[in-house]
Amino acid sequence: PEFFKQITITFNPWSERHWLKPTF
């Protein structure tokens, strides 16, 4: 019952043009 899957993402945000911004 406590099972969960997870993707953890860590980074420094150098540019607003990066795909990470609209995605997350």
PDBML (XML) file of the C-alpha atoms, coordinates in Angstrom:
<?xml version="1.0" encoding="UTF-8" ?>
<PDBx:datablock datablockName="MODEL"
   xmlns:PDBx="http://pdbml.pdb.org/schema/pdbx-v50.xsd"
   xmlns:xsi="http://www.w3.org/2001/XMLSchema-instance"
   xsi:schemaLocation="http://pdbml.pdb.org/schema/pdbx-v50.xsd pdbx-v50.xsd">
   <PDBx:atom_siteCategory>
      <PDBx:atom_site id="1">
         <PDBx:B_iso_or_equiv>0.00</PDBx:B_iso_or_equiv>
         <PDBx:Cartn_x>0.000</PDBx:Cartn_x>
         <PDBx:Cartn_y>0.000</PDBx:Cartn_y>
         <PDBx:Cartn_z>0.000</PDBx:Cartn_z>
         <PDBx:auth_asym_id>A</PDBx:auth_asym_id>
         <PDBx:auth_atom_id>CA</PDBx:auth_atom_id>
         <PDBx:auth_comp_id>PRO</PDBx:auth_comp_id>
         <PDBx:auth_seq_id>1</PDBx:auth_seq_id>
         <PDBx:group_PDB>ATOM</PDBx:group_PDB>
         <PDBx:label_alt_id xsi:nil="true" />
         <PDBx:label_asym_id>A</PDBx:label_asym_id>
         <PDBx:label_atom_id>CA</PDBx:label_atom_id>
         <PDBx:label_comp_id>PRO</PDBx:label_comp_id>
         <PDBx:label_entity_id>1</PDBx:label_entity_id>
         <PDBx:label_seq_id>1</PDBx:label_seq_id>
         <PDBx:occupancy>1.00</PDBx:occupancy>
         <PDBx:pdbx_PDB_model_num>1</PDBx:pdbx_PDB_model_num>
         <PDBx:type_symbol>C</PDBx:type_symbol>
      </PDBx:atom_site>
      <PDBx:atom_site id="2">
         <PDBx:B_iso_or_equiv>0.00</PDBx:B_iso_or_equiv>
         <PDBx:Cartn_x>2.939</PDBx:Cartn_x>
         <PDBx:Cartn_y>2.366</PDBx:Cartn_y>
         <PDBx:Cartn_z>0.452</PDBx:Cartn_z>
         <PDBx:auth_asym_id>A</PDBx:auth_asym_id>
         <PDBx:auth_atom_id>CA</PDBx:auth_atom_id>
         <PDBx:auth_comp_id>GLU</PDBx:auth_comp_id>
         <PDBx:auth_seq_id>2</PDBx:auth_seq_id>
         <PDBx:group_PDB>ATOM</PDBx:group_PDB>
         <PDBx:label_alt_id xsi:nil="true" />
         <PDBx:label_asym_id>A</PDBx:label_asym_id>
         <PDBx:label_atom_id>CA</PDBx:label_atom_id>
         <PDBx:label_comp_id>GLU</PDBx:label_comp_id>
         <PDBx:label_entity_id>1</PDBx:label_entity_id>
         <PDBx:label_seq_id>2</PDBx:label_seq_id>
         <PDBx:occupancy>1.00</PDBx:occupancy>
         <PDBx:pdbx_PDB_model_num>1</PDBx:pdbx_PDB_model_num>
         <PDBx:type_symbol>C</PDBx:type_symbol>
      </PDBx:atom_site>
      <PDBx:atom_site id="3">
         <PDBx:B_iso_or_equiv>0.00</PDBx:B_iso_or_equiv>
         <PDBx:Cartn_x>4.494</PDBx:Cartn_x>
         <PDBx:Cartn_y>1.632</PDBx:Cartn_y>
         <PDBx:Cartn_z>-2.946</PDBx:Cartn_z>
         <PDBx:auth_asym_id>A</PDBx:auth_asym_id>
         <PDBx:auth_atom_id>CA</PDBx:auth_atom_id>
         <PDBx:auth_comp_id>PHE</PDBx:auth_comp_id>
         <PDBx:auth_seq_id>3</PDBx:auth_seq_id>
         <PDBx:group_PDB>ATOM</PDBx:group_PDB>
         <PDBx:label_alt_id xsi:nil="true" />
         <PDBx:label_asym_id>A</PDBx:label_asym_id>
         <PDBx:label_atom_id>CA</PDBx:label_atom_id>
         <PDBx:label_comp_id>PHE</PDBx:label_comp_id>
         <PDBx:label_entity_id>1</PDBx:label_entity_id>
         <PDBx:label_seq_id>3</PDBx:label_seq_id>
         <PDBx:occupancy>1.00</PDBx:occupancy>
         <PDBx:pdbx_PDB_model_num>1</PDBx:pdbx_PDB_model_num>
         <PDBx:type_symbol>C</PDBx:type_symbol>
      </PDBx:atom_site>
      <PDBx:atom_site id="4">
         <PDBx:B_iso_or_equiv>0.00</PDBx:B_iso_or_equiv>
         <PDBx:Cartn_x>5.317</PDBx:Cartn_x>
         <PDBx:Cartn_y>4.618</PDBx:Cartn_y>
         <PDBx:Cartn_z>-5.127</PDBx:Cartn_z>
         <PDBx:auth_asym_id>A</PDBx:auth_asym_id>
         <PDBx:auth_atom_id>CA</PDBx:auth_atom_id>
         <PDBx:auth_comp_id>PHE</PDBx:auth_comp_id>
         <PDBx:auth_seq_id>4</PDBx:auth_seq_id>
         <PDBx:group_PDB>ATOM</PDBx:group_PDB>
         <PDBx:label_alt_id xsi:nil="true" />
         <PDBx:label_asym_id>A</PDBx:label_asym_id>
         <PDBx:label_atom_id>CA</PDBx:label_atom_id>
         <PDBx:label_comp_id>PHE</PDBx:label_comp_id>
         <PDBx:label_entity_id>1</PDBx:label_entity_id>
         <PDBx:label_seq_id>4</PDBx:label_seq_id>
         <PDBx:occupancy>1.00</PDBx:occupancy>
         <PDBx:pdbx_PDB_model_num>1</PDBx:pdbx_PDB_model_num>
         <PDBx:type_symbol>C</PDBx:type_symbol>
      </PDBx:atom_site>
      <PDBx:atom_site id="5">
         <PDBx:B_iso_or_equiv>0.00</PDBx:B_iso_or_equiv>
         <PDBx:Cartn_x>7.474</PDBx:Cartn_x>
         <PDBx:Cartn_y>5.318</PDBx:Cartn_y>
         <PDBx:Cartn_z>-8.152</PDBx:Cartn_z>
         <PDBx:auth_asym_id>A</PDBx:auth_asym_id>
         <PDBx:auth_atom_id>CA</PDBx:auth_atom_id>
         <PDBx:auth_comp_id>LYS</PDBx:auth_comp_id>
         <PDBx:auth_seq_id>5</PDBx:auth_seq_id>
         <PDBx:group_PDB>ATOM</PDBx:group_PDB>
         <PDBx:label_alt_id xsi:nil="true" />
         <PDBx:label_asym_id>A</PDBx:label_asym_id>
         <PDBx:label_atom_id>CA</PDBx:label_atom_id>
         <PDBx:label_comp_id>LYS</PDBx:label_comp_id>
         <PDBx:label_entity_id>1</PDBx:label_entity_id>
         <PDBx:label_seq_id>5</PDBx:label_seq_id>
         <PDBx:occupancy>1.00</PDBx:occupancy>
         <PDBx:pdbx_PDB_model_num>1</PDBx:pdbx_PDB_model_num>
         <PDBx:type_symbol>C</PDBx:type_symbol>
      </PDBx:atom_site>
      <PDBx:atom_site id="6">
         <PDBx:B_iso_or_equiv>0.00</PDBx:B_iso_or_equiv>
         <PDBx:Cartn_x>9.311</PDBx:Cartn_x>
         <PDBx:Cartn_y>8.583</PDBx:Cartn_y>
         <PDBx:Cartn_z>-8.418</PDBx:Cartn_z>
         <PDBx:auth_asym_id>A</PDBx:auth_asym_id>
         <PDBx:auth_atom_id>CA</PDBx:auth_atom_id>
         <PDBx:auth_comp_id>GLN</PDBx:auth_comp_id>
         <PDBx:auth_seq_id>6</PDBx:auth_seq_id>
         <PDBx:group_PDB>ATOM</PDBx:group_PDB>
         <PDBx:label_alt_id xsi:nil="true" />
         <PDBx:label_asym_id>A</PDBx:label_asym_id>
         <PDBx:label_atom_id>CA</PDBx:label_atom_id>
         <PDBx:label_comp_id>GLN</PDBx:label_comp_id>
         <PDBx:label_entity_id>1</PDBx:label_entity_id>
         <PDBx:label_seq_id>6</PDBx:label_seq_id>
         <PDBx:occupancy>1.00</PDBx:occupancy>
         <PDBx:pdbx_PDB_model_num>1</PDBx:pdbx_PDB_model_num>
         <PDBx:type_symbol>C</PDBx:type_symbol>
      </PDBx:atom_site>
      <PDBx:atom_site id="7">
         <PDBx:B_iso_or_equiv>0.00</PDBx:B_iso_or_equiv>
         <PDBx:Cartn_x>11.645</PDBx:Cartn_x>
         <PDBx:Cartn_y>10.571</PDBx:Cartn_y>
         <PDBx:Cartn_z>-10.654</PDBx:Cartn_z>
         <PDBx:auth_asym_id>A</PDBx:auth_asym_id>
         <PDBx:auth_atom_id>CA</PDBx:auth_atom_id>
         <PDBx:auth_comp_id>ILE</PDBx:auth_comp_id>
         <PDBx:auth_seq_id>7</PDBx:auth_seq_id>
         <PDBx:group_PDB>ATOM</PDBx:group_PDB>
         <PDBx:label_alt_id xsi:nil="true" />
         <PDBx:label_asym_id>A</PDBx:label_asym_id>
         <PDBx:label_atom_id>CA</PDBx:label_atom_id>
         <PDBx:label_comp_id>ILE</PDBx:label_comp_id>
         <PDBx:label_entity_id>1</PDBx:label_entity_id>
         <PDBx:label_seq_id>7</PDBx:label_seq_id>
         <PDBx:occupancy>1.00</PDBx:occupancy>
         <PDBx:pdbx_PDB_model_num>1</PDBx:pdbx_PDB_model_num>
         <PDBx:type_symbol>C</PDBx:type_symbol>
      </PDBx:atom_site>
      <PDBx:atom_site id="8">
         <PDBx:B_iso_or_equiv>0.00</PDBx:B_iso_or_equiv>
         <PDBx:Cartn_x>13.750</PDBx:Cartn_x>
         <PDBx:Cartn_y>13.106</PDBx:Cartn_y>
         <PDBx:Cartn_z>-8.731</PDBx:Cartn_z>
         <PDBx:auth_asym_id>A</PDBx:auth_asym_id>
         <PDBx:auth_atom_id>CA</PDBx:auth_atom_id>
         <PDBx:auth_comp_id>THR</PDBx:auth_comp_id>
         <PDBx:auth_seq_id>8</PDBx:auth_seq_id>
         <PDBx:group_PDB>ATOM</PDBx:group_PDB>
         <PDBx:label_alt_id xsi:nil="true" />
         <PDBx:label_asym_id>A</PDBx:label_asym_id>
         <PDBx:label_atom_id>CA</PDBx:label_atom_id>
         <PDBx:label_comp_id>THR</PDBx:label_comp_id>
         <PDBx:label_entity_id>1</PDBx:label_entity_id>
         <PDBx:label_seq_id>8</PDBx:label_seq_id>
         <PDBx:occupancy>1.00</PDBx:occupancy>
         <PDBx:pdbx_PDB_model_num>1</PDBx:pdbx_PDB_model_num>
         <PDBx:type_symbol>C</PDBx:type_symbol>
      </PDBx:atom_site>
      <PDBx:atom_site id="9">
         <PDBx:B_iso_or_equiv>0.00</PDBx:B_iso_or_equiv>
         <PDBx:Cartn_x>15.396</PDBx:Cartn_x>
         <PDBx:Cartn_y>15.926</PDBx:Cartn_y>
         <PDBx:Cartn_z>-10.681</PDBx:Cartn_z>
         <PDBx:auth_asym_id>A</PDBx:auth_asym_id>
         <PDBx:auth_atom_id>CA</PDBx:auth_atom_id>
         <PDBx:auth_comp_id>ILE</PDBx:auth_comp_id>
         <PDBx:auth_seq_id>9</PDBx:auth_seq_id>
         <PDBx:group_PDB>ATOM</PDBx:group_PDB>
         <PDBx:label_alt_id xsi:nil="true" />
         <PDBx:label_asym_id>A</PDBx:label_asym_id>
         <PDBx:label_atom_id>CA</PDBx:label_atom_id>
         <PDBx:label_comp_id>ILE</PDBx:label_comp_id>
         <PDBx:label_entity_id>1</PDBx:label_entity_id>
         <PDBx:label_seq_id>9</PDBx:label_seq_id>
         <PDBx:occupancy>1.00</PDBx:occupancy>
         <PDBx:pdbx_PDB_model_num>1</PDBx:pdbx_PDB_model_num>
         <PDBx:type_symbol>C</PDBx:type_symbol>
      </PDBx:atom_site>
      <PDBx:atom_site id="10">
         <PDBx:B_iso_or_equiv>0.00</PDBx:B_iso_or_equiv>
         <PDBx:Cartn_x>17.936</PDBx:Cartn_x>
         <PDBx:Cartn_y>18.438</PDBx:Cartn_y>
         <PDBx:Cartn_z>-9.315</PDBx:Cartn_z>
         <PDBx:auth_asym_id>A</PDBx:auth_asym_id>
         <PDBx:auth_atom_id>CA</PDBx:auth_atom_id>
         <PDBx:auth_comp_id>THR</PDBx:auth_comp_id>
         <PDBx:auth_seq_id>10</PDBx:auth_seq_id>
         <PDBx:group_PDB>ATOM</PDBx:group_PDB>
         <PDBx:label_alt_id xsi:nil="true" />
         <PDBx:label_asym_id>A</PDBx:label_asym_id>
         <PDBx:label_atom_id>CA</PDBx:label_atom_id>
         <PDBx:label_comp_id>THR</PDBx:label_comp_id>
         <PDBx:label_entity_id>1</PDBx:label_entity_id>
         <PDBx:label_seq_id>10</PDBx:label_seq_id>
         <PDBx:occupancy>1.00</PDBx:occupancy>
         <PDBx:pdbx_PDB_model_num>1</PDBx:pdbx_PDB_model_num>
         <PDBx:type_symbol>C</PDBx:type_symbol>
      </PDBx:atom_site>
      <PDBx:atom_site id="11">
         <PDBx:B_iso_or_equiv>0.00</PDBx:B_iso_or_equiv>
         <PDBx:Cartn_x>19.728</PDBx:Cartn_x>
         <PDBx:Cartn_y>21.225</PDBx:Cartn_y>
         <PDBx:Cartn_z>-11.180</PDBx:Cartn_z>
         <PDBx:auth_asym_id>A</PDBx:auth_asym_id>
         <PDBx:auth_atom_id>CA</PDBx:auth_atom_id>
         <PDBx:auth_comp_id>PHE</PDBx:auth_comp_id>
         <PDBx:auth_seq_id>11</PDBx:auth_seq_id>
         <PDBx:group_PDB>ATOM</PDBx:group_PDB>
         <PDBx:label_alt_id xsi:nil="true" />
         <PDBx:label_asym_id>A</PDBx:label_asym_id>
         <PDBx:label_atom_id>CA</PDBx:label_atom_id>
         <PDBx:label_comp_id>PHE</PDBx:label_comp_id>
         <PDBx:label_entity_id>1</PDBx:label_entity_id>
         <PDBx:label_seq_id>11</PDBx:label_seq_id>
         <PDBx:occupancy>1.00</PDBx:occupancy>
         <PDBx:pdbx_PDB_model_num>1</PDBx:pdbx_PDB_model_num>
         <PDBx:type_symbol>C</PDBx:type_symbol>
      </PDBx:atom_site>
      <PDBx:atom_site id="12">
         <PDBx:B_iso_or_equiv>0.00</PDBx:B_iso_or_equiv>
         <PDBx:Cartn_x>20.912</PDBx:Cartn_x>
         <PDBx:Cartn_y>24.847</PDBx:Cartn_y>
         <PDBx:Cartn_z>-11.373</PDBx:Cartn_z>
         <PDBx:auth_asym_id>A</PDBx:auth_asym_id>
         <PDBx:auth_atom_id>CA</PDBx:auth_atom_id>
         <PDBx:auth_comp_id>ASN</PDBx:auth_comp_id>
         <PDBx:auth_seq_id>12</PDBx:auth_seq_id>
         <PDBx:group_PDB>ATOM</PDBx:group_PDB>
         <PDBx:label_alt_id xsi:nil="true" />
         <PDBx:label_asym_id>A</PDBx:label_asym_id>
         <PDBx:label_atom_id>CA</PDBx:label_atom_id>
         <PDBx:label_comp_id>ASN</PDBx:label_comp_id>
         <PDBx:label_entity_id>1</PDBx:label_entity_id>
         <PDBx:label_seq_id>12</PDBx:label_seq_id>
         <PDBx:occupancy>1.00</PDBx:occupancy>
         <PDBx:pdbx_PDB_model_num>1</PDBx:pdbx_PDB_model_num>
         <PDBx:type_symbol>C</PDBx:type_symbol>
      </PDBx:atom_site>
      <PDBx:atom_site id="13">
         <PDBx:B_iso_or_equiv>0.00</PDBx:B_iso_or_equiv>
         <PDBx:Cartn_x>18.597</PDBx:Cartn_x>
         <PDBx:Cartn_y>26.917</PDBx:Cartn_y>
         <PDBx:Cartn_z>-13.621</PDBx:Cartn_z>
         <PDBx:auth_asym_id>A</PDBx:auth_asym_id>
         <PDBx:auth_atom_id>CA</PDBx:auth_atom_id>
         <PDBx:auth_comp_id>PRO</PDBx:auth_comp_id>
         <PDBx:auth_seq_id>13</PDBx:auth_seq_id>
         <PDBx:group_PDB>ATOM</PDBx:group_PDB>
         <PDBx:label_alt_id xsi:nil="true" />
         <PDBx:label_asym_id>A</PDBx:label_asym_id>
         <PDBx:label_atom_id>CA</PDBx:label_atom_id>
         <PDBx:label_comp_id>PRO</PDBx:label_comp_id>
         <PDBx:label_entity_id>1</PDBx:label_entity_id>
         <PDBx:label_seq_id>13</PDBx:label_seq_id>
         <PDBx:occupancy>1.00</PDBx:occupancy>
         <PDBx:pdbx_PDB_model_num>1</PDBx:pdbx_PDB_model_num>
         <PDBx:type_symbol>C</PDBx:type_symbol>
      </PDBx:atom_site>
      <PDBx:atom_site id="14">
         <PDBx:B_iso_or_equiv>0.00</PDBx:B_iso_or_equiv>
         <PDBx:Cartn_x>20.988</PDBx:Cartn_x>
         <PDBx:Cartn_y>28.606</PDBx:Cartn_y>
         <PDBx:Cartn_z>-16.048</PDBx:Cartn_z>
         <PDBx:auth_asym_id>A</PDBx:auth_asym_id>
         <PDBx:auth_atom_id>CA</PDBx:auth_atom_id>
         <PDBx:auth_comp_id>TRP</PDBx:auth_comp_id>
         <PDBx:auth_seq_id>14</PDBx:auth_seq_id>
         <PDBx:group_PDB>ATOM</PDBx:group_PDB>
         <PDBx:label_alt_id xsi:nil="true" />
         <PDBx:label_asym_id>A</PDBx:label_asym_id>
         <PDBx:label_atom_id>CA</PDBx:label_atom_id>
         <PDBx:label_comp_id>TRP</PDBx:label_comp_id>
         <PDBx:label_entity_id>1</PDBx:label_entity_id>
         <PDBx:label_seq_id>14</PDBx:label_seq_id>
         <PDBx:occupancy>1.00</PDBx:occupancy>
         <PDBx:pdbx_PDB_model_num>1</PDBx:pdbx_PDB_model_num>
         <PDBx:type_symbol>C</PDBx:type_symbol>
      </PDBx:atom_site>
      <PDBx:atom_site id="15">
         <PDBx:B_iso_or_equiv>0.00</PDBx:B_iso_or_equiv>
         <PDBx:Cartn_x>18.521</PDBx:Cartn_x>
         <PDBx:Cartn_y>29.509</PDBx:Cartn_y>
         <PDBx:Cartn_z>-18.816</PDBx:Cartn_z>
         <PDBx:auth_asym_id>A</PDBx:auth_asym_id>
         <PDBx:auth_atom_id>CA</PDBx:auth_atom_id>
         <PDBx:auth_comp_id>SER</PDBx:auth_comp_id>
         <PDBx:auth_seq_id>15</PDBx:auth_seq_id>
         <PDBx:group_PDB>ATOM</PDBx:group_PDB>
         <PDBx:label_alt_id xsi:nil="true" />
         <PDBx:label_asym_id>A</PDBx:label_asym_id>
         <PDBx:label_atom_id>CA</PDBx:label_atom_id>
         <PDBx:label_comp_id>SER</PDBx:label_comp_id>
         <PDBx:label_entity_id>1</PDBx:label_entity_id>
         <PDBx:label_seq_id>15</PDBx:label_seq_id>
         <PDBx:occupancy>1.00</PDBx:occupancy>
         <PDBx:pdbx_PDB_model_num>1</PDBx:pdbx_PDB_model_num>
         <PDBx:type_symbol>C</PDBx:type_symbol>
      </PDBx:atom_site>
      <PDBx:atom_site id="16">
         <PDBx:B_iso_or_equiv>0.00</PDBx:B_iso_or_equiv>
         <PDBx:Cartn_x>14.781</PDBx:Cartn_x>
         <PDBx:Cartn_y>29.980</PDBx:Cartn_y>
         <PDBx:Cartn_z>-19.180</PDBx:Cartn_z>
         <PDBx:auth_asym_id>A</PDBx:auth_asym_id>
         <PDBx:auth_atom_id>CA</PDBx:auth_atom_id>
         <PDBx:auth_comp_id>GLU</PDBx:auth_comp_id>
         <PDBx:auth_seq_id>16</PDBx:auth_seq_id>
         <PDBx:group_PDB>ATOM</PDBx:group_PDB>
         <PDBx:label_alt_id xsi:nil="true" />
         <PDBx:label_asym_id>A</PDBx:label_asym_id>
         <PDBx:label_atom_id>CA</PDBx:label_atom_id>
         <PDBx:label_comp_id>GLU</PDBx:label_comp_id>
         <PDBx:label_entity_id>1</PDBx:label_entity_id>
         <PDBx:label_seq_id>16</PDBx:label_seq_id>
         <PDBx:occupancy>1.00</PDBx:occupancy>
         <PDBx:pdbx_PDB_model_num>1</PDBx:pdbx_PDB_model_num>
         <PDBx:type_symbol>C</PDBx:type_symbol>
      </PDBx:atom_site>
      <PDBx:atom_site id="17">
         <PDBx:B_iso_or_equiv>0.00</PDBx:B_iso_or_equiv>
         <PDBx:Cartn_x>15.076</PDBx:Cartn_x>
         <PDBx:Cartn_y>28.514</PDBx:Cartn_y>
         <PDBx:Cartn_z>-22.685</PDBx:Cartn_z>
         <PDBx:auth_asym_id>A</PDBx:auth_asym_id>
         <PDBx:auth_atom_id>CA</PDBx:auth_atom_id>
         <PDBx:auth_comp_id>ARG</PDBx:auth_comp_id>
         <PDBx:auth_seq_id>17</PDBx:auth_seq_id>
         <PDBx:group_PDB>ATOM</PDBx:group_PDB>
         <PDBx:label_alt_id xsi:nil="true" />
         <PDBx:label_asym_id>A</PDBx:label_asym_id>
         <PDBx:label_atom_id>CA</PDBx:label_atom_id>
         <PDBx:label_comp_id>ARG</PDBx:label_comp_id>
         <PDBx:label_entity_id>1</PDBx:label_entity_id>
         <PDBx:label_seq_id>17</PDBx:label_seq_id>
         <PDBx:occupancy>1.00</PDBx:occupancy>
         <PDBx:pdbx_PDB_model_num>1</PDBx:pdbx_PDB_model_num>
         <PDBx:type_symbol>C</PDBx:type_symbol>
      </PDBx:atom_site>
      <PDBx:atom_site id="18">
         <PDBx:B_iso_or_equiv>0.00</PDBx:B_iso_or_equiv>
         <PDBx:Cartn_x>15.798</PDBx:Cartn_x>
         <PDBx:Cartn_y>25.033</PDBx:Cartn_y>
         <PDBx:Cartn_z>-21.331</PDBx:Cartn_z>
         <PDBx:auth_asym_id>A</PDBx:auth_asym_id>
         <PDBx:auth_atom_id>CA</PDBx:auth_atom_id>
         <PDBx:auth_comp_id>HIS</PDBx:auth_comp_id>
         <PDBx:auth_seq_id>18</PDBx:auth_seq_id>
         <PDBx:group_PDB>ATOM</PDBx:group_PDB>
         <PDBx:label_alt_id xsi:nil="true" />
         <PDBx:label_asym_id>A</PDBx:label_asym_id>
         <PDBx:label_atom_id>CA</PDBx:label_atom_id>
         <PDBx:label_comp_id>HIS</PDBx:label_comp_id>
         <PDBx:label_entity_id>1</PDBx:label_entity_id>
         <PDBx:label_seq_id>18</PDBx:label_seq_id>
         <PDBx:occupancy>1.00</PDBx:occupancy>
         <PDBx:pdbx_PDB_model_num>1</PDBx:pdbx_PDB_model_num>
         <PDBx:type_symbol>C</PDBx:type_symbol>
      </PDBx:atom_site>
      <PDBx:atom_site id="19">
         <PDBx:B_iso_or_equiv>0.00</PDBx:B_iso_or_equiv>
         <PDBx:Cartn_x>13.136</PDBx:Cartn_x>
         <PDBx:Cartn_y>22.315</PDBx:Cartn_y>
         <PDBx:Cartn_z>-21.724</PDBx:Cartn_z>
         <PDBx:auth_asym_id>A</PDBx:auth_asym_id>
         <PDBx:auth_atom_id>CA</PDBx:auth_atom_id>
         <PDBx:auth_comp_id>TRP</PDBx:auth_comp_id>
         <PDBx:auth_seq_id>19</PDBx:auth_seq_id>
         <PDBx:group_PDB>ATOM</PDBx:group_PDB>
         <PDBx:label_alt_id xsi:nil="true" />
         <PDBx:label_asym_id>A</PDBx:label_asym_id>
         <PDBx:label_atom_id>CA</PDBx:label_atom_id>
         <PDBx:label_comp_id>TRP</PDBx:label_comp_id>
         <PDBx:label_entity_id>1</PDBx:label_entity_id>
         <PDBx:label_seq_id>19</PDBx:label_seq_id>
         <PDBx:occupancy>1.00</PDBx:occupancy>
         <PDBx:pdbx_PDB_model_num>1</PDBx:pdbx_PDB_model_num>
         <PDBx:type_symbol>C</PDBx:type_symbol>
      </PDBx:atom_site>
      <PDBx:atom_site id="20">
         <PDBx:B_iso_or_equiv>0.00</PDBx:B_iso_or_equiv>
         <PDBx:Cartn_x>13.052</PDBx:Cartn_x>
         <PDBx:Cartn_y>21.812</PDBx:Cartn_y>
         <PDBx:Cartn_z>-17.943</PDBx:Cartn_z>
         <PDBx:auth_asym_id>A</PDBx:auth_asym_id>
         <PDBx:auth_atom_id>CA</PDBx:auth_atom_id>
         <PDBx:auth_comp_id>LEU</PDBx:auth_comp_id>
         <PDBx:auth_seq_id>20</PDBx:auth_seq_id>
         <PDBx:group_PDB>ATOM</PDBx:group_PDB>
         <PDBx:label_alt_id xsi:nil="true" />
         <PDBx:label_asym_id>A</PDBx:label_asym_id>
         <PDBx:label_atom_id>CA</PDBx:label_atom_id>
         <PDBx:label_comp_id>LEU</PDBx:label_comp_id>
         <PDBx:label_entity_id>1</PDBx:label_entity_id>
         <PDBx:label_seq_id>20</PDBx:label_seq_id>
         <PDBx:occupancy>1.00</PDBx:occupancy>
         <PDBx:pdbx_PDB_model_num>1</PDBx:pdbx_PDB_model_num>
         <PDBx:type_symbol>C</PDBx:type_symbol>
      </PDBx:atom_site>
      <PDBx:atom_site id="21">
         <PDBx:B_iso_or_equiv>0.00</PDBx:B_iso_or_equiv>
         <PDBx:Cartn_x>11.166</PDBx:Cartn_x>
         <PDBx:Cartn_y>25.090</PDBx:Cartn_y>
         <PDBx:Cartn_z>-17.437</PDBx:Cartn_z>
         <PDBx:auth_asym_id>A</PDBx:auth_asym_id>
         <PDBx:auth_atom_id>CA</PDBx:auth_atom_id>
         <PDBx:auth_comp_id>LYS</PDBx:auth_comp_id>
         <PDBx:auth_seq_id>21</PDBx:auth_seq_id>
         <PDBx:group_PDB>ATOM</PDBx:group_PDB>
         <PDBx:label_alt_id xsi:nil="true" />
         <PDBx:label_asym_id>A</PDBx:label_asym_id>
         <PDBx:label_atom_id>CA</PDBx:label_atom_id>
         <PDBx:label_comp_id>LYS</PDBx:label_comp_id>
         <PDBx:label_entity_id>1</PDBx:label_entity_id>
         <PDBx:label_seq_id>21</PDBx:label_seq_id>
         <PDBx:occupancy>1.00</PDBx:occupancy>
         <PDBx:pdbx_PDB_model_num>1</PDBx:pdbx_PDB_model_num>
         <PDBx:type_symbol>C</PDBx:type_symbol>
      </PDBx:atom_site>
      <PDBx:atom_site id="22">
         <PDBx:B_iso_or_equiv>0.00</PDBx:B_iso_or_equiv>
         <PDBx:Cartn_x>8.009</PDBx:Cartn_x>
         <PDBx:Cartn_y>24.384</PDBx:Cartn_y>
         <PDBx:Cartn_z>-19.499</PDBx:Cartn_z>
         <PDBx:auth_asym_id>A</PDBx:auth_asym_id>
         <PDBx:auth_atom_id>CA</PDBx:auth_atom_id>
         <PDBx:auth_comp_id>PRO</PDBx:auth_comp_id>
         <PDBx:auth_seq_id>22</PDBx:auth_seq_id>
         <PDBx:group_PDB>ATOM</PDBx:group_PDB>
         <PDBx:label_alt_id xsi:nil="true" />
         <PDBx:label_asym_id>A</PDBx:label_asym_id>
         <PDBx:label_atom_id>CA</PDBx:label_atom_id>
         <PDBx:label_comp_id>PRO</PDBx:label_comp_id>
         <PDBx:label_entity_id>1</PDBx:label_entity_id>
         <PDBx:label_seq_id>22</PDBx:label_seq_id>
         <PDBx:occupancy>1.00</PDBx:occupancy>
         <PDBx:pdbx_PDB_model_num>1</PDBx:pdbx_PDB_model_num>
         <PDBx:type_symbol>C</PDBx:type_symbol>
      </PDBx:atom_site>
      <PDBx:atom_site id="23">
         <PDBx:B_iso_or_equiv>0.00</PDBx:B_iso_or_equiv>
         <PDBx:Cartn_x>8.066</PDBx:Cartn_x>
         <PDBx:Cartn_y>20.705</PDBx:Cartn_y>
         <PDBx:Cartn_z>-18.550</PDBx:Cartn_z>
         <PDBx:auth_asym_id>A</PDBx:auth_asym_id>
         <PDBx:auth_atom_id>CA</PDBx:auth_atom_id>
         <PDBx:auth_comp_id>THR</PDBx:auth_comp_id>
         <PDBx:auth_seq_id>23</PDBx:auth_seq_id>
         <PDBx:group_PDB>ATOM</PDBx:group_PDB>
         <PDBx:label_alt_id xsi:nil="true" />
         <PDBx:label_asym_id>A</PDBx:label_asym_id>
         <PDBx:label_atom_id>CA</PDBx:label_atom_id>
         <PDBx:label_comp_id>THR</PDBx:label_comp_id>
         <PDBx:label_entity_id>1</PDBx:label_entity_id>
         <PDBx:label_seq_id>23</PDBx:label_seq_id>
         <PDBx:occupancy>1.00</PDBx:occupancy>
         <PDBx:pdbx_PDB_model_num>1</PDBx:pdbx_PDB_model_num>
         <PDBx:type_symbol>C</PDBx:type_symbol>
      </PDBx:atom_site>
      <PDBx:atom_site id="24">
         <PDBx:B_iso_or_equiv>0.00</PDBx:B_iso_or_equiv>
         <PDBx:Cartn_x>8.104</PDBx:Cartn_x>
         <PDBx:Cartn_y>21.099</PDBx:Cartn_y>
         <PDBx:Cartn_z>-14.774</PDBx:Cartn_z>
         <PDBx:auth_asym_id>A</PDBx:auth_asym_id>
         <PDBx:auth_atom_id>CA</PDBx:auth_atom_id>
         <PDBx:auth_comp_id>PHE</PDBx:auth_comp_id>
         <PDBx:auth_seq_id>24</PDBx:auth_seq_id>
         <PDBx:group_PDB>ATOM</PDBx:group_PDB>
         <PDBx:label_alt_id xsi:nil="true" />
         <PDBx:label_asym_id>A</PDBx:label_asym_id>
         <PDBx:label_atom_id>CA</PDBx:label_atom_id>
         <PDBx:label_comp_id>PHE</PDBx:label_comp_id>
         <PDBx:label_entity_id>1</PDBx:label_entity_id>
         <PDBx:label_seq_id>24</PDBx:label_seq_id>
         <PDBx:occupancy>1.00</PDBx:occupancy>
         <PDBx:pdbx_PDB_model_num>1</PDBx:pdbx_PDB_model_num>
         <PDBx:type_symbol>C</PDBx:type_symbol>
      </PDBx:atom_site>
   </PDBx:atom_siteCategory>
</PDBx:datablock>
